[in-house]
Structures are given as structure tokens and as C-alpha cells.
Amino acid sequence: MEWDVTEVSVKADNTLFVCFKDGVQGTVEFTNSFFYGVFERLRDPQEFRQVSVVEGVVTWPGELDLAPDAMHEEIKKNGNWVLN
């Protein structure tokens, strides 16, 4: 799919840089209010830095992931996706 993620890296605390299969690229920014529930452990920078791409999806250990289609749509429109 066009929204398959091919690369992810930590750009700064709470910010990722992602590239998609179709060449779209941009950032995903996490506000502090996003880190609750299952995502609360990502508040720890060491946990956040364990991000990787698994089968085209931005993923962390423990089966945490982000919806690649929604991410692609926002980054294609705005250059970034802010999660709060």
C-alpha cells in the first residue's frame, strides 16, 4: 500500500521522522497528553526510542503501533501529524 512506512527514526524527544513507500515523508509529534493508557510507557525516552517498522507499520515492543493510513494522510496534507 502507498501508506506503508519504509523508514522511521527518532528526530527529537517525542518526535519521529517517517518515510512512506510512495515517497511521502514528514514528522509525527507526540504531545505529552498523548501518553496515557497503553501509550503511557512511551513517555520514557528509552521506551520511545525502541520504535521500528514492522510490515510497514510504526511499532514499539508490546504490540503498540500507529495507524499508517491516518499518518500518511496527515503528513501528505501538512508535513506532520500531531498526536494529542
Protein backbone atom coordinates (compact mmCIF):
# COMPACT_ATOMS: atom_id res chain seq x y z
CA MET A 1 0.00 0.00 0.00
CA GLU A 2 1.11 3.57 -0.58
CA TRP A 3 0.97 4.26 3.15
CA ASP A 4 3.40 1.51 4.10
CA VAL A 5 6.16 3.04 6.21
CA THR A 6 9.64 2.21 4.93
CA GLU A 7 11.72 4.12 7.50
CA VAL A 8 11.30 5.60 10.96
CA SER A 9 13.77 7.40 13.20
CA VAL A 10 13.65 9.43 16.38
CA LYS A 11 14.17 13.08 15.44
CA ALA A 12 13.86 14.51 18.97
CA ASP A 13 12.13 13.72 22.22
CA ASN A 14 8.53 12.89 21.32
CA THR A 15 9.11 13.35 17.58
CA LEU A 16 9.58 10.78 14.83
CA PHE A 17 10.63 11.18 11.20
CA VAL A 18 8.89 8.75 8.82
CA CYS A 19 9.17 7.86 5.13
CA PHE A 20 6.46 6.06 3.18
CA LYS A 21 6.63 3.71 0.22
CA ASP A 22 5.27 6.38 -2.15
CA GLY A 23 7.96 8.92 -1.15
CA VAL A 24 5.87 11.00 1.26
CA GLN A 25 7.88 11.92 4.35
CA GLY A 26 7.43 14.04 7.45
CA THR A 27 7.23 14.08 11.22
CA VAL A 28 4.97 12.64 13.87
CA GLU A 29 4.86 14.79 17.00
CA PHE A 30 3.52 13.45 20.29
CA THR A 31 2.17 15.92 22.84
CA ASN A 32 2.52 14.95 26.48
CA SER A 33 -1.24 14.45 26.72
CA PHE A 34 -1.00 11.59 24.17
CA PHE A 35 0.99 9.44 26.59
CA TYR A 36 -1.80 7.79 28.55
CA GLY A 37 -3.32 4.32 28.65
CA VAL A 38 -1.37 1.79 26.60
CA PHE A 39 0.92 4.56 25.29
CA GLU A 40 1.89 5.83 28.75
CA ARG A 41 5.13 3.86 28.83
CA LEU A 42 6.35 5.75 25.74
CA ARG A 43 6.72 8.81 27.95
CA ASP A 44 10.06 7.22 28.94
CA PRO A 45 12.58 8.32 26.26
CA GLN A 46 14.29 4.91 26.31
CA GLU A 47 10.98 3.20 25.52
CA PHE A 48 10.13 5.78 22.85
CA ARG A 49 13.46 5.18 21.09
CA GLN A 50 12.65 1.47 20.63
CA VAL A 51 10.47 2.37 17.64
CA SER A 52 10.83 0.34 14.47
CA VAL A 53 8.99 -0.54 11.27
CA VAL A 54 7.28 -3.92 11.20
CA GLU A 55 5.50 -4.86 7.97
CA GLY A 56 5.00 -1.21 7.00
CA VAL A 57 3.75 -0.07 10.42
CA VAL A 58 5.46 2.13 13.04
CA THR A 59 5.69 -0.18 16.05
CA TRP A 60 7.08 -0.46 19.57
CA PRO A 61 7.63 -3.61 21.63
CA GLY A 62 4.47 -4.77 23.39
CA GLU A 63 2.30 -4.54 20.27
CA LEU A 64 1.99 -0.75 20.26
CA ASP A 65 1.61 0.78 16.83
CA LEU A 66 0.28 3.75 14.88
CA ALA A 67 -2.25 3.65 12.05
CA PRO A 68 -0.17 4.12 8.89
CA ASP A 69 -3.11 5.25 6.74
CA ALA A 70 -4.07 8.12 9.08
CA MET A 71 -0.40 9.08 9.49
CA HIS A 72 0.12 9.13 5.72
CA GLU A 73 -2.96 11.28 5.11
CA GLU A 74 -1.95 13.94 7.66
CA ILE A 75 1.71 14.04 6.63
CA LYS A 76 0.79 14.26 2.95
CA LYS A 77 -1.50 17.25 3.70
CA ASN A 78 0.52 19.04 6.39
CA GLY A 79 4.05 17.60 6.50
CA ASN A 80 3.43 16.45 10.05
CA TRP A 81 0.96 14.60 12.26
CA VAL A 82 0.43 15.86 15.78
CA LEU A 83 -0.93 13.32 18.26
CA ASN A 84 -2.54 14.69 21.39
